[in-house]
């Protein structure tokens, strides 16, 4: 997922991760686990459903 975001936006991986987390926080999604970018965190991101179709596509 980050690789696609990186290719579309031309961001470096670290910046792409920051932009993705900011997007999720703006929409009320806060990860309660211990570490970001672990397998559990990536699964959490994959399971998020956002009601607006365009935003879900962006995610």
C-alpha atoms as a PDB file:
ATOM      1  CA  UNK A   1       0.000   0.000   0.000  1.00  0.00           C
ATOM      2  CA  UNK A   2       2.754   2.475   0.869  1.00  0.00           C
ATOM      3  CA  UNK A   3       4.615   1.623  -2.305  1.00  0.00           C
ATOM      4  CA  UNK A   4       1.560   2.575  -4.377  1.00  0.00           C
ATOM      5  CA  UNK A   5       1.125   5.804  -2.401  1.00  0.00           C
ATOM      6  CA  UNK A   6       4.835   6.546  -2.840  1.00  0.00           C
ATOM      7  CA  UNK A   7       4.641   6.047  -6.611  1.00  0.00           C
ATOM      8  CA  UNK A   8       1.496   8.136  -7.062  1.00  0.00           C
ATOM      9  CA  UNK A   9       2.516  11.038  -4.859  1.00  0.00           C
ATOM     10  CA  UNK A  10       6.252  10.933  -5.397  1.00  0.00           C
ATOM     11  CA  UNK A  11       6.856  11.082  -1.646  1.00  0.00           C
ATOM     12  CA  UNK A  12       9.692   9.420   0.151  1.00  0.00           C
ATOM     13  CA  UNK A  13       8.516   6.483   2.267  1.00  0.00           C
ATOM     14  CA  UNK A  14       8.805   8.359   5.577  1.00  0.00           C
ATOM     15  CA  UNK A  15       6.791  11.295   4.279  1.00  0.00           C
ATOM     16  CA  UNK A  16       4.189   8.946   2.752  1.00  0.00           C
ATOM     17  CA  UNK A  17       3.784   7.241   6.127  1.00  0.00           C
ATOM     18  CA  UNK A  18       3.333  10.587   7.858  1.00  0.00           C
ATOM     19  CA  UNK A  19       0.735  11.708   5.306  1.00  0.00           C
ATOM     20  CA  UNK A  20      -1.161   8.424   5.683  1.00  0.00           C
ATOM     21  CA  UNK A  21      -1.220   8.655   9.494  1.00  0.00           C
ATOM     22  CA  UNK A  22      -2.379  12.282   9.309  1.00  0.00           C
ATOM     23  CA  UNK A  23      -5.187  11.252   6.935  1.00  0.00           C
ATOM     24  CA  UNK A  24      -6.319   8.550   9.366  1.00  0.00           C
ATOM     25  CA  UNK A  25      -6.189  10.893  12.368  1.00  0.00           C
ATOM     26  CA  UNK A  26      -8.248  13.528  10.530  1.00  0.00           C
ATOM     27  CA  UNK A  27     -10.925  10.893  10.042  1.00  0.00           C
ATOM     28  CA  UNK A  28     -10.909   9.771  13.673  1.00  0.00           C
ATOM     29  CA  UNK A  29      -8.839   6.603  13.344  1.00  0.00           C
ATOM     30  CA  UNK A  30      -6.188   6.278  16.041  1.00  0.00           C
ATOM     31  CA  UNK A  31      -4.062   3.147  16.392  1.00  0.00           C
ATOM     32  CA  UNK A  32      -4.008   1.855  19.960  1.00  0.00           C
ATOM     33  CA  UNK A  33      -1.240  -0.705  19.492  1.00  0.00           C
ATOM     34  CA  UNK A  34       2.335  -0.368  20.640  1.00  0.00           C
ATOM     35  CA  UNK A  35       4.330   0.213  17.474  1.00  0.00           C
ATOM     36  CA  UNK A  36       3.591   1.710  14.111  1.00  0.00           C
ATOM     37  CA  UNK A  37       4.298  -0.118  10.848  1.00  0.00           C
ATOM     38  CA  UNK A  38       4.336  -3.556  12.460  1.00  0.00           C
ATOM     39  CA  UNK A  39       2.334  -6.370  10.885  1.00  0.00           C
ATOM     40  CA  UNK A  40      -0.501  -5.688  13.348  1.00  0.00           C
ATOM     41  CA  UNK A  41      -0.526  -1.994  12.411  1.00  0.00           C
ATOM     42  CA  UNK A  42      -0.616  -2.773   8.696  1.00  0.00           C
ATOM     43  CA  UNK A  43      -3.519  -5.191   9.270  1.00  0.00           C
ATOM     44  CA  UNK A  44      -5.330  -2.488  11.241  1.00  0.00           C
ATOM     45  CA  UNK A  45      -4.929  -0.072   8.316  1.00  0.00           C
ATOM     46  CA  UNK A  46      -6.158  -2.708   5.845  1.00  0.00           C
ATOM     47  CA  UNK A  47      -9.334  -3.251   7.897  1.00  0.00           C
ATOM     48  CA  UNK A  48     -10.338   0.425   8.080  1.00  0.00           C
ATOM     49  CA  UNK A  49     -13.536   1.307   6.261  1.00  0.00           C
ATOM     50  CA  UNK A  50     -14.219   4.964   5.431  1.00  0.00           C
ATOM     51  CA  UNK A  51     -17.774   5.851   4.350  1.00  0.00           C
ATOM     52  CA  UNK A  52     -16.916   8.192   1.484  1.00  0.00           C
ATOM     53  CA  UNK A  53     -15.906   6.202  -1.605  1.00  0.00           C
ATOM     54  CA  UNK A  54     -13.216   8.615  -2.801  1.00  0.00           C
ATOM     55  CA  UNK A  55     -11.542   8.582   0.611  1.00  0.00           C
ATOM     56  CA  UNK A  56     -11.694   4.777   0.771  1.00  0.00           C
ATOM     57  CA  UNK A  57     -10.006   4.633  -2.637  1.00  0.00           C
ATOM     58  CA  UNK A  58      -7.324   7.031  -1.409  1.00  0.00           C
ATOM     59  CA  UNK A  59      -6.740   4.823   1.610  1.00  0.00           C
END
